[in-house]
Amino acid sequence: MSFNARGLFDPNTPRIVATQAEERLMEDVQRDIYDSHRHRIFSLSYYMTGNELEAEQLLEDCFVRAFRSDPKPDAGVIDDSLIAELRSSFPLTPGPSAKISNLDSVTGRNVRRTDLEEALLQLPPTERLLYLLREVEGYSPDAISHLVDIPQSETVRVLFSARIRLRGILAEIEARRAAA
């Protein structure tokens, strides 16, 4: 035999109605927060994974983490949640710097978006994330260093390395296309 409390309270009791109204208001606030950040989080997740399903899962996990830590998370809490989720999927540690080579063939030229997307996926995860945060999302190197928890000088070094490596990859893609 189980206990059922539903019959004990009238659903029109002022206290219950007020609680239900507060819950609906909180749901609306959280929906607005989700809607205002989901595109940015999905884009970063997609560029990190290269897979829509994995990006959707990262998006979901990011917001679950953010709403667990704060019922009304701001952009900083959401970014921290995304970085935490990315850390569980990728080794986000700065690696060796890229060597300068094959840069002349892409410097100063327009690049196809598909080539850029392909090249981004070939970057090491840390370089890819920092490049996306800086060049796509517009974060300052200082903001990136605080978010990812690495020194600003290391952030600048990784960004420089990512740009060099990206140019080299784009040059290789262009060379393959020209040879075909």
N, C-alpha and C. Protein backbone atom coordinates (compact mmCIF):
# COMPACT_ATOMS: atom_id res chain seq x y z
N MET A 1 0.84 -1.17 0.00
CA MET A 1 0.00 0.00 0.00
C MET A 1 0.90 1.24 0.00
N SER A 2 0.65 2.16 -0.93
CA SER A 2 1.47 3.37 -1.02
C SER A 2 0.67 4.59 -0.57
N PHE A 3 1.41 5.58 -0.18
CA PHE A 3 0.82 6.83 0.29
C PHE A 3 0.68 7.80 -0.87
N ASN A 4 -0.50 8.38 -1.06
CA ASN A 4 -0.74 9.32 -2.13
C ASN A 4 -1.16 10.66 -1.51
N ALA A 5 -0.30 11.66 -1.63
CA ALA A 5 -0.58 12.97 -1.02
C ALA A 5 -1.41 13.86 -1.93
N ARG A 6 -1.64 13.44 -3.16
CA ARG A 6 -2.37 14.30 -4.10
C ARG A 6 -3.77 14.67 -3.60
N GLY A 7 -4.45 13.75 -2.98
CA GLY A 7 -5.81 14.02 -2.53
C GLY A 7 -5.88 14.89 -1.29
N LEU A 8 -4.76 15.12 -0.62
CA LEU A 8 -4.76 15.88 0.62
C LEU A 8 -4.82 17.39 0.40
N PHE A 9 -4.39 17.85 -0.76
CA PHE A 9 -4.32 19.29 -0.99
C PHE A 9 -5.15 19.68 -2.20
N ASP A 10 -5.82 20.78 -2.08
CA ASP A 10 -6.57 21.34 -3.20
C ASP A 10 -5.58 22.06 -4.11
N PRO A 11 -5.54 21.73 -5.42
CA PRO A 11 -4.57 22.38 -6.31
C PRO A 11 -4.77 23.88 -6.43
N ASN A 12 -5.89 24.40 -5.96
CA ASN A 12 -6.14 25.84 -6.03
C ASN A 12 -5.73 26.57 -4.76
N THR A 13 -5.10 25.86 -3.83
CA THR A 13 -4.61 26.48 -2.62
C THR A 13 -3.58 27.54 -3.01
N PRO A 14 -3.67 28.75 -2.44
CA PRO A 14 -2.77 29.84 -2.85
C PRO A 14 -1.29 29.47 -2.81
N ARG A 15 -0.88 28.72 -1.81
CA ARG A 15 0.54 28.37 -1.69
C ARG A 15 0.99 27.49 -2.86
N ILE A 16 0.18 26.53 -3.25
CA ILE A 16 0.51 25.64 -4.36
C ILE A 16 0.50 26.41 -5.68
N VAL A 17 -0.48 27.27 -5.86
CA VAL A 17 -0.58 28.07 -7.08
C VAL A 17 0.63 28.99 -7.20
N ALA A 18 1.05 29.61 -6.12
CA ALA A 18 2.21 30.50 -6.14
C ALA A 18 3.47 29.72 -6.47
N THR A 19 3.63 28.54 -5.90
CA THR A 19 4.80 27.70 -6.18
C THR A 19 4.82 27.29 -7.65
N GLN A 20 3.68 26.92 -8.18
CA GLN A 20 3.60 26.54 -9.59
C GLN A 20 3.94 27.73 -10.50
N ALA A 21 3.50 28.92 -10.13
CA ALA A 21 3.81 30.12 -10.92
C ALA A 21 5.31 30.42 -10.87
N GLU A 22 5.93 30.24 -9.70
CA GLU A 22 7.38 30.45 -9.58
C GLU A 22 8.14 29.44 -10.43
N GLU A 23 7.68 28.19 -10.44
CA GLU A 23 8.33 27.16 -11.25
C GLU A 23 8.23 27.48 -12.74
N ARG A 24 7.05 27.94 -13.18
CA ARG A 24 6.88 28.31 -14.60
C ARG A 24 7.77 29.50 -14.96
N LEU A 25 7.87 30.47 -14.05
CA LEU A 25 8.73 31.63 -14.29
C LEU A 25 10.19 31.20 -14.40
N MET A 26 10.64 30.31 -13.51
CA MET A 26 12.02 29.82 -13.55
C MET A 26 12.27 29.04 -14.84
N GLU A 27 11.30 28.24 -15.27
CA GLU A 27 11.43 27.51 -16.54
C GLU A 27 11.59 28.49 -17.71
N ASP A 28 10.80 29.56 -17.69
CA ASP A 28 10.90 30.57 -18.76
C ASP A 28 12.26 31.26 -18.75
N VAL A 29 12.75 31.58 -17.56
CA VAL A 29 14.06 32.22 -17.44
C VAL A 29 15.14 31.28 -17.96
N GLN A 30 15.08 30.01 -17.56
CA GLN A 30 16.08 29.04 -18.00
C GLN A 30 15.99 28.78 -19.50
N ARG A 31 14.79 28.77 -20.04
CA ARG A 31 14.63 28.61 -21.49
C ARG A 31 15.25 29.78 -22.24
N ASP A 32 15.06 30.99 -21.70
CA ASP A 32 15.67 32.17 -22.32
C ASP A 32 17.19 32.11 -22.26
N ILE A 33 17.73 31.67 -21.14
CA ILE A 33 19.19 31.53 -21.01
C ILE A 33 19.69 30.51 -22.01
N TYR A 34 19.02 29.37 -22.09
CA TYR A 34 19.41 28.32 -23.04
C TYR A 34 19.35 28.84 -24.47
N ASP A 35 18.25 29.48 -24.82
CA ASP A 35 18.09 29.98 -26.19
C ASP A 35 19.13 31.04 -26.55
N SER A 36 19.54 31.84 -25.57
CA SER A 36 20.50 32.91 -25.89
C SER A 36 21.93 32.40 -26.01
N HIS A 37 22.23 31.18 -25.55
CA HIS A 37 23.60 30.66 -25.59
C HIS A 37 23.76 29.38 -26.42
N ARG A 38 22.67 28.73 -26.78
CA ARG A 38 22.77 27.41 -27.40
C ARG A 38 23.49 27.42 -28.74
N HIS A 39 23.27 28.43 -29.54
CA HIS A 39 23.92 28.45 -30.86
C HIS A 39 25.43 28.55 -30.70
N ARG A 40 25.88 29.42 -29.82
CA ARG A 40 27.32 29.60 -29.59
C ARG A 40 27.94 28.31 -29.04
N ILE A 41 27.29 27.70 -28.08
CA ILE A 41 27.82 26.47 -27.48
C ILE A 41 27.81 25.33 -28.49
N PHE A 42 26.73 25.23 -29.28
CA PHE A 42 26.68 24.17 -30.29
C PHE A 42 27.78 24.38 -31.33
N SER A 43 27.96 25.61 -31.78
CA SER A 43 28.99 25.89 -32.79
C SER A 43 30.37 25.49 -32.30
N LEU A 44 30.72 25.91 -31.11
CA LEU A 44 32.02 25.54 -30.56
C LEU A 44 32.13 24.02 -30.40
N SER A 45 31.07 23.40 -29.93
CA SER A 45 31.07 21.94 -29.76
C SER A 45 31.22 21.24 -31.09
N TYR A 46 30.54 21.75 -32.10
CA TYR A 46 30.62 21.13 -33.42
C TYR A 46 32.03 21.27 -34.00
N TYR A 47 32.61 22.45 -33.89
CA TYR A 47 33.96 22.64 -34.41
C TYR A 47 34.99 21.84 -33.62
N MET A 48 34.70 21.55 -32.38
CA MET A 48 35.63 20.73 -31.60
C MET A 48 35.49 19.25 -31.95
N THR A 49 34.27 18.79 -32.24
CA THR A 49 34.05 17.36 -32.49
C THR A 49 33.98 17.00 -33.96
N GLY A 50 33.46 17.93 -34.78
CA GLY A 50 33.25 17.61 -36.20
C GLY A 50 32.08 16.69 -36.42
N ASN A 51 31.23 16.53 -35.40
CA ASN A 51 30.12 15.59 -35.47
C ASN A 51 28.90 16.22 -34.80
N GLU A 52 27.77 16.24 -35.52
CA GLU A 52 26.57 16.89 -34.98
C GLU A 52 26.05 16.20 -33.73
N LEU A 53 26.03 14.86 -33.72
CA LEU A 53 25.51 14.14 -32.56
C LEU A 53 26.38 14.36 -31.32
N GLU A 54 27.68 14.33 -31.51
CA GLU A 54 28.58 14.59 -30.39
C GLU A 54 28.45 16.04 -29.92
N ALA A 55 28.27 16.96 -30.86
CA ALA A 55 28.09 18.36 -30.49
C ALA A 55 26.79 18.55 -29.71
N GLU A 56 25.73 17.89 -30.12
CA GLU A 56 24.46 17.97 -29.39
C GLU A 56 24.62 17.43 -27.97
N GLN A 57 25.36 16.33 -27.84
CA GLN A 57 25.57 15.75 -26.52
C GLN A 57 26.39 16.70 -25.64
N LEU A 58 27.42 17.32 -26.21
CA LEU A 58 28.20 18.30 -25.46
C LEU A 58 27.34 19.49 -25.05
N LEU A 59 26.49 19.94 -25.96
CA LEU A 59 25.57 21.05 -25.67
C LEU A 59 24.68 20.70 -24.49
N GLU A 60 24.09 19.53 -24.54
CA GLU A 60 23.20 19.09 -23.46
C GLU A 60 23.96 18.98 -22.14
N ASP A 61 25.11 18.30 -22.17
CA ASP A 61 25.90 18.13 -20.95
C ASP A 61 26.36 19.46 -20.37
N CYS A 62 26.71 20.39 -21.25
CA CYS A 62 27.14 21.71 -20.82
C CYS A 62 26.02 22.42 -20.05
N PHE A 63 24.81 22.41 -20.61
CA PHE A 63 23.72 23.12 -19.94
C PHE A 63 23.25 22.40 -18.68
N VAL A 64 23.30 21.09 -18.67
CA VAL A 64 22.96 20.36 -17.44
C VAL A 64 23.93 20.77 -16.34
N ARG A 65 25.21 20.78 -16.66
CA ARG A 65 26.23 21.17 -15.68
C ARG A 65 26.02 22.63 -15.24
N ALA A 66 25.75 23.51 -16.18
CA ALA A 66 25.58 24.93 -15.85
C ALA A 66 24.37 25.14 -14.95
N PHE A 67 23.24 24.51 -15.27
CA PHE A 67 22.03 24.71 -14.47
C PHE A 67 22.13 24.01 -13.11
N ARG A 68 22.95 22.98 -13.01
CA ARG A 68 23.17 22.36 -11.70
C ARG A 68 23.99 23.26 -10.80
N SER A 69 24.92 24.00 -11.39
CA SER A 69 25.77 24.86 -10.57
C SER A 69 25.10 26.18 -10.22
N ASP A 70 24.16 26.63 -11.07
CA ASP A 70 23.50 27.90 -10.84
C ASP A 70 22.16 27.88 -11.58
N PRO A 71 21.05 28.11 -10.90
CA PRO A 71 19.76 28.06 -11.59
C PRO A 71 19.59 29.13 -12.68
N LYS A 72 20.38 30.21 -12.57
CA LYS A 72 20.36 31.27 -13.58
C LYS A 72 21.80 31.56 -14.01
N PRO A 73 22.41 30.62 -14.74
CA PRO A 73 23.83 30.81 -15.09
C PRO A 73 24.03 31.94 -16.08
N ASP A 74 25.13 32.67 -15.90
CA ASP A 74 25.48 33.70 -16.86
C ASP A 74 26.44 33.09 -17.89
N ALA A 75 26.90 33.90 -18.82
CA ALA A 75 27.78 33.41 -19.88
C ALA A 75 29.05 32.80 -19.32
N GLY A 76 29.58 33.35 -18.24
CA GLY A 76 30.80 32.81 -17.63
C GLY A 76 30.60 31.41 -17.09
N VAL A 77 29.49 31.18 -16.41
CA VAL A 77 29.20 29.85 -15.87
C VAL A 77 28.99 28.86 -17.01
N ILE A 78 28.31 29.29 -18.05
CA ILE A 78 28.07 28.42 -19.20
C ILE A 78 29.39 28.10 -19.90
N ASP A 79 30.25 29.09 -20.07
CA ASP A 79 31.56 28.85 -20.67
C ASP A 79 32.39 27.90 -19.82
N ASP A 80 32.38 28.08 -18.50
CA ASP A 80 33.11 27.18 -17.60
C ASP A 80 32.58 25.75 -17.74
N SER A 81 31.27 25.63 -17.86
CA SER A 81 30.66 24.30 -18.03
C SER A 81 31.10 23.67 -19.34
N LEU A 82 31.14 24.46 -20.40
CA LEU A 82 31.57 23.94 -21.70
C LEU A 82 33.03 23.48 -21.62
N ILE A 83 33.88 24.29 -21.03
CA ILE A 83 35.29 23.92 -20.92
C ILE A 83 35.43 22.63 -20.10
N ALA A 84 34.68 22.50 -19.03
CA ALA A 84 34.72 21.28 -18.22
C ALA A 84 34.30 20.06 -19.05
N GLU A 85 33.26 20.22 -19.84
CA GLU A 85 32.81 19.11 -20.68
C GLU A 85 33.84 18.79 -21.76
N LEU A 86 34.43 19.82 -22.35
CA LEU A 86 35.46 19.59 -23.37
C LEU A 86 36.68 18.91 -22.77
N ARG A 87 37.04 19.28 -21.54
CA ARG A 87 38.17 18.64 -20.88
C ARG A 87 37.94 17.14 -20.69
N SER A 88 36.68 16.75 -20.50
CA SER A 88 36.40 15.32 -20.33
C SER A 88 36.45 14.57 -21.66
N SER A 89 36.42 15.29 -22.78
CA SER A 89 36.45 14.65 -24.10
C SER A 89 37.76 14.82 -24.84
N PHE A 90 38.51 15.86 -24.52
CA PHE A 90 39.73 16.18 -25.25
C PHE A 90 40.87 16.47 -24.28
N PRO A 91 42.10 16.13 -24.69
CA PRO A 91 43.24 16.53 -23.87
C PRO A 91 43.56 18.00 -24.14
N LEU A 92 43.09 18.88 -23.28
CA LEU A 92 43.29 20.31 -23.49
C LEU A 92 44.53 20.79 -22.75
N THR A 93 45.67 20.43 -23.30
CA THR A 93 46.94 20.90 -22.78
C THR A 93 47.76 21.42 -23.94
N PRO A 94 48.41 22.54 -23.76
CA PRO A 94 49.21 23.09 -24.86
C PRO A 94 50.32 22.12 -25.27
N GLY A 95 50.48 21.96 -26.58
CA GLY A 95 51.51 21.08 -27.11
C GLY A 95 52.64 21.89 -27.74
N PRO A 96 53.48 21.21 -28.51
CA PRO A 96 54.58 21.93 -29.16
C PRO A 96 54.06 22.90 -30.21
N SER A 97 54.81 23.96 -30.42
CA SER A 97 54.44 24.97 -31.41
C SER A 97 54.58 24.42 -32.81
N ALA A 98 53.77 24.95 -33.72
CA ALA A 98 53.85 24.55 -35.12
C ALA A 98 55.08 25.14 -35.77
N LYS A 99 55.64 24.42 -36.71
CA LYS A 99 56.78 24.91 -37.47
C LYS A 99 56.27 25.76 -38.63
N ILE A 100 57.00 26.79 -38.98
CA ILE A 100 56.61 27.67 -40.07
C ILE A 100 57.04 27.01 -41.38
N SER A 101 56.04 26.73 -42.25
CA SER A 101 56.33 26.16 -43.57
C SER A 101 55.10 26.30 -44.46
N ASN A 102 55.32 26.35 -45.75
CA ASN A 102 54.23 26.41 -46.74
C ASN A 102 53.23 27.52 -46.48
N LEU A 103 53.67 28.66 -45.98
CA LEU A 103 52.73 29.72 -45.66
C LEU A 103 52.43 30.63 -46.85
N ASP A 104 53.36 30.74 -47.77
CA ASP A 104 53.20 31.70 -48.86
C ASP A 104 51.99 31.40 -49.73
N SER A 105 51.62 30.14 -49.87
CA SER A 105 50.54 29.81 -50.80
C SER A 105 49.16 30.19 -50.28
N VAL A 106 48.98 30.45 -48.99
CA VAL A 106 47.66 30.82 -48.50
C VAL A 106 47.63 32.22 -47.88
N THR A 107 48.75 32.81 -47.65
CA THR A 107 48.78 34.12 -47.03
C THR A 107 48.14 35.16 -47.95
N GLY A 108 47.15 35.86 -47.43
CA GLY A 108 46.52 36.94 -48.18
C GLY A 108 45.48 36.47 -49.20
N ARG A 109 45.13 35.21 -49.20
CA ARG A 109 44.12 34.71 -50.14
C ARG A 109 42.83 34.35 -49.42
N ASN A 110 41.75 34.35 -50.17
CA ASN A 110 40.50 33.88 -49.61
C ASN A 110 40.55 32.36 -49.46
N VAL A 111 39.91 31.87 -48.43
CA VAL A 111 39.91 30.45 -48.14
C VAL A 111 38.47 29.96 -48.18
N ARG A 112 38.26 28.80 -48.76
CA ARG A 112 36.91 28.21 -48.77
C ARG A 112 36.53 27.82 -47.35
N ARG A 113 35.27 28.04 -47.04
CA ARG A 113 34.80 27.69 -45.69
C ARG A 113 34.97 26.21 -45.40
N THR A 114 34.69 25.37 -46.37
CA THR A 114 34.83 23.93 -46.16
C THR A 114 36.29 23.55 -45.91
N ASP A 115 37.22 24.23 -46.60
CA ASP A 115 38.64 23.98 -46.36
C ASP A 115 39.03 24.40 -44.95
N LEU A 116 38.51 25.54 -44.51
CA LEU A 116 38.80 26.02 -43.17
C LEU A 116 38.25 25.05 -42.12
N GLU A 117 37.03 24.56 -42.33
CA GLU A 117 36.45 23.61 -41.39
C GLU A 117 37.28 22.33 -41.33
N GLU A 118 37.71 21.85 -42.49
CA GLU A 118 38.56 20.65 -42.54
C GLU A 118 39.87 20.90 -41.81
N ALA A 119 40.47 22.05 -42.05
CA ALA A 119 41.74 22.39 -41.41
C ALA A 119 41.58 22.52 -39.90
N LEU A 120 40.49 23.14 -39.46
CA LEU A 120 40.26 23.30 -38.02
C LEU A 120 40.22 21.95 -37.32
N LEU A 121 39.58 20.97 -37.95
CA LEU A 121 39.48 19.65 -37.33
C LEU A 121 40.83 18.95 -37.24
N GLN A 122 41.80 19.39 -38.01
CA GLN A 122 43.13 18.79 -37.97
C GLN A 122 44.02 19.43 -36.90
N LEU A 123 43.61 20.56 -36.35
CA LEU A 123 44.39 21.19 -35.28
C LEU A 123 44.30 20.34 -34.01
N PRO A 124 45.35 20.35 -33.20
CA PRO A 124 45.24 19.70 -31.88
C PRO A 124 44.11 20.37 -31.08
N PRO A 125 43.43 19.62 -30.21
CA PRO A 125 42.26 20.16 -29.50
C PRO A 125 42.48 21.49 -28.80
N THR A 126 43.60 21.66 -28.12
CA THR A 126 43.82 22.92 -27.41
C THR A 126 43.94 24.08 -28.38
N GLU A 127 44.71 23.89 -29.45
CA GLU A 127 44.85 24.96 -30.44
C GLU A 127 43.51 25.26 -31.08
N ARG A 128 42.74 24.22 -31.40
CA ARG A 128 41.43 24.41 -32.02
C ARG A 128 40.52 25.22 -31.11
N LEU A 129 40.44 24.84 -29.84
CA LEU A 129 39.57 25.55 -28.90
C LEU A 129 39.99 27.00 -28.73
N LEU A 130 41.27 27.25 -28.50
CA LEU A 130 41.72 28.62 -28.29
C LEU A 130 41.53 29.46 -29.55
N TYR A 131 41.78 28.88 -30.71
CA TYR A 131 41.57 29.59 -31.97
C TYR A 131 40.09 29.96 -32.12
N LEU A 132 39.20 29.00 -31.86
CA LEU A 132 37.77 29.27 -31.98
C LEU A 132 37.32 30.35 -30.99
N LEU A 133 37.80 30.26 -29.76
CA LEU A 133 37.41 31.26 -28.76
C LEU A 133 37.88 32.66 -29.18
N ARG A 134 39.08 32.74 -29.75
CA ARG A 134 39.63 34.04 -30.14
C ARG A 134 39.04 34.55 -31.45
N GLU A 135 39.12 33.74 -32.50
CA GLU A 135 38.78 34.20 -33.84
C GLU A 135 37.29 34.11 -34.17
N VAL A 136 36.59 33.18 -33.57
CA VAL A 136 35.17 33.03 -33.87
C VAL A 136 34.31 33.74 -32.82
N GLU A 137 34.64 33.52 -31.56
CA GLU A 137 33.84 34.09 -30.48
C GLU A 137 34.32 35.47 -30.04
N GLY A 138 35.54 35.86 -30.41
CA GLY A 138 36.04 37.19 -30.11
C GLY A 138 36.53 37.41 -28.69
N TYR A 139 36.85 36.34 -27.97
CA TYR A 139 37.38 36.49 -26.62
C TYR A 139 38.78 37.08 -26.69
N SER A 140 39.13 37.86 -25.70
CA SER A 140 40.50 38.40 -25.62
C SER A 140 41.42 37.29 -25.11
N PRO A 141 42.72 37.39 -25.40
CA PRO A 141 43.65 36.40 -24.87
C PRO A 141 43.59 36.30 -23.34
N ASP A 142 43.37 37.43 -22.67
CA ASP A 142 43.26 37.41 -21.22
C ASP A 142 42.04 36.61 -20.77
N ALA A 143 40.90 36.85 -21.43
CA ALA A 143 39.67 36.12 -21.08
C ALA A 143 39.84 34.62 -21.35
N ILE A 144 40.50 34.29 -22.44
CA ILE A 144 40.73 32.88 -22.77
C ILE A 144 41.62 32.24 -21.71
N SER A 145 42.67 32.94 -21.31
CA SER A 145 43.59 32.36 -20.31
C SER A 145 42.87 32.11 -18.99
N HIS A 146 41.97 32.99 -18.60
CA HIS A 146 41.20 32.78 -17.37
C HIS A 146 40.23 31.62 -17.54
N LEU A 147 39.58 31.54 -18.68
CA LEU A 147 38.59 30.50 -18.92
C LEU A 147 39.22 29.11 -18.96
N VAL A 148 40.33 28.99 -19.66
CA VAL A 148 40.97 27.68 -19.85
C VAL A 148 41.99 27.40 -18.75
N ASP A 149 42.29 28.41 -17.94
CA ASP A 149 43.20 28.28 -16.81
C ASP A 149 44.63 27.95 -17.23
N ILE A 150 45.13 28.74 -18.19
CA ILE A 150 46.54 28.68 -18.56
C ILE A 150 47.07 30.11 -18.58
N PRO A 151 48.36 30.30 -18.39
CA PRO A 151 48.90 31.67 -18.37
C PRO A 151 48.65 32.39 -19.70
N GLN A 152 48.51 33.70 -19.64
CA GLN A 152 48.23 34.49 -20.84
C GLN A 152 49.35 34.34 -21.86
N SER A 153 50.58 34.28 -21.42
CA SER A 153 51.68 34.12 -22.36
C SER A 153 51.57 32.79 -23.12
N GLU A 154 51.11 31.76 -22.42
CA GLU A 154 50.91 30.45 -23.06
C GLU A 154 49.73 30.52 -24.04
N THR A 155 48.70 31.26 -23.67
CA THR A 155 47.54 31.45 -24.56
C THR A 155 47.98 32.10 -25.86
N VAL A 156 48.77 33.15 -25.75
CA VAL A 156 49.25 33.86 -26.94
C VAL A 156 50.11 32.93 -27.79
N ARG A 157 50.97 32.15 -27.14
CA ARG A 157 51.83 31.22 -27.86
C ARG A 157 51.01 30.16 -28.60
N VAL A 158 49.99 29.62 -27.92
CA VAL A 158 49.15 28.59 -28.54
C VAL A 158 48.35 29.18 -29.70
N LEU A 159 47.85 30.40 -29.54
CA LEU A 159 47.12 31.05 -30.63
C LEU A 159 48.03 31.27 -31.84
N PHE A 160 49.24 31.71 -31.60
CA PHE A 160 50.20 31.91 -32.69
C PHE A 160 50.49 30.58 -33.38
N SER A 161 50.70 29.55 -32.59
CA SER A 161 50.97 28.22 -33.14
C SER A 161 49.77 27.72 -33.95
N ALA A 162 48.57 27.96 -33.45
CA ALA A 162 47.36 27.51 -34.16
C ALA A 162 47.25 28.19 -35.52
N ARG A 163 47.54 29.48 -35.55
CA ARG A 163 47.46 30.21 -36.82
C ARG A 163 48.48 29.68 -37.83
N ILE A 164 49.68 29.44 -37.36
CA ILE A 164 50.73 28.92 -38.25
C ILE A 164 50.35 27.52 -38.75
N ARG A 165 49.93 26.66 -37.83
CA ARG A 165 49.55 25.29 -38.20
C ARG A 165 48.37 25.32 -39.17
N LEU A 166 47.40 26.19 -38.92
CA LEU A 166 46.22 26.30 -39.77
C LEU A 166 46.62 26.73 -41.18
N ARG A 167 47.52 27.69 -41.29
CA ARG A 167 47.99 28.11 -42.61
C ARG A 167 48.68 26.97 -43.34
N GLY A 168 49.49 26.20 -42.62
CA GLY A 168 50.17 25.07 -43.23
C GLY A 168 49.19 24.01 -43.74
N ILE A 169 48.18 23.72 -42.94
CA ILE A 169 47.16 22.73 -43.33
C ILE A 169 46.39 23.24 -44.55
N LEU A 170 46.03 24.54 -44.53
CA LEU A 170 45.31 25.11 -45.68
C LEU A 170 46.17 25.09 -46.93
N ALA A 171 47.47 25.29 -46.79
CA ALA A 171 48.37 25.23 -47.94
C ALA A 171 48.39 23.81 -48.51
N GLU A 172 48.41 22.82 -47.64
CA GLU A 172 48.38 21.42 -48.09
C GLU A 172 47.08 21.10 -48.81
N ILE A 173 45.97 21.57 -48.28
CA ILE A 173 44.66 21.34 -48.91
C ILE A 173 44.64 21.99 -50.30
N GLU A 174 45.14 23.21 -50.37
CA GLU A 174 45.18 23.92 -51.67
C GLU A 174 46.09 23.21 -52.65
N ALA A 175 47.23 22.71 -52.17
CA ALA A 175 48.16 21.99 -53.04
C ALA A 175 47.53 20.70 -53.57
N ARG A 176 46.81 19.98 -52.72
CA ARG A 176 46.12 18.76 -53.17
C ARG A 176 45.09 19.08 -54.23
N ARG A 177 44.36 20.17 -54.04
CA ARG A 177 43.33 20.57 -55.01
C ARG A 177 43.98 20.94 -56.33
N ALA A 178 45.10 21.67 -56.28
CA ALA A 178 45.78 22.09 -57.49
C ALA A 178 46.36 20.88 -58.25
N ALA A 179 46.80 19.86 -57.51
CA ALA A 179 47.38 18.68 -58.13
C ALA A 179 46.32 17.77 -58.75
N ALA A 180 45.10 17.88 -58.28
CA ALA A 180 44.03 16.98 -58.77
C ALA A 180 43.47 17.39 -60.09
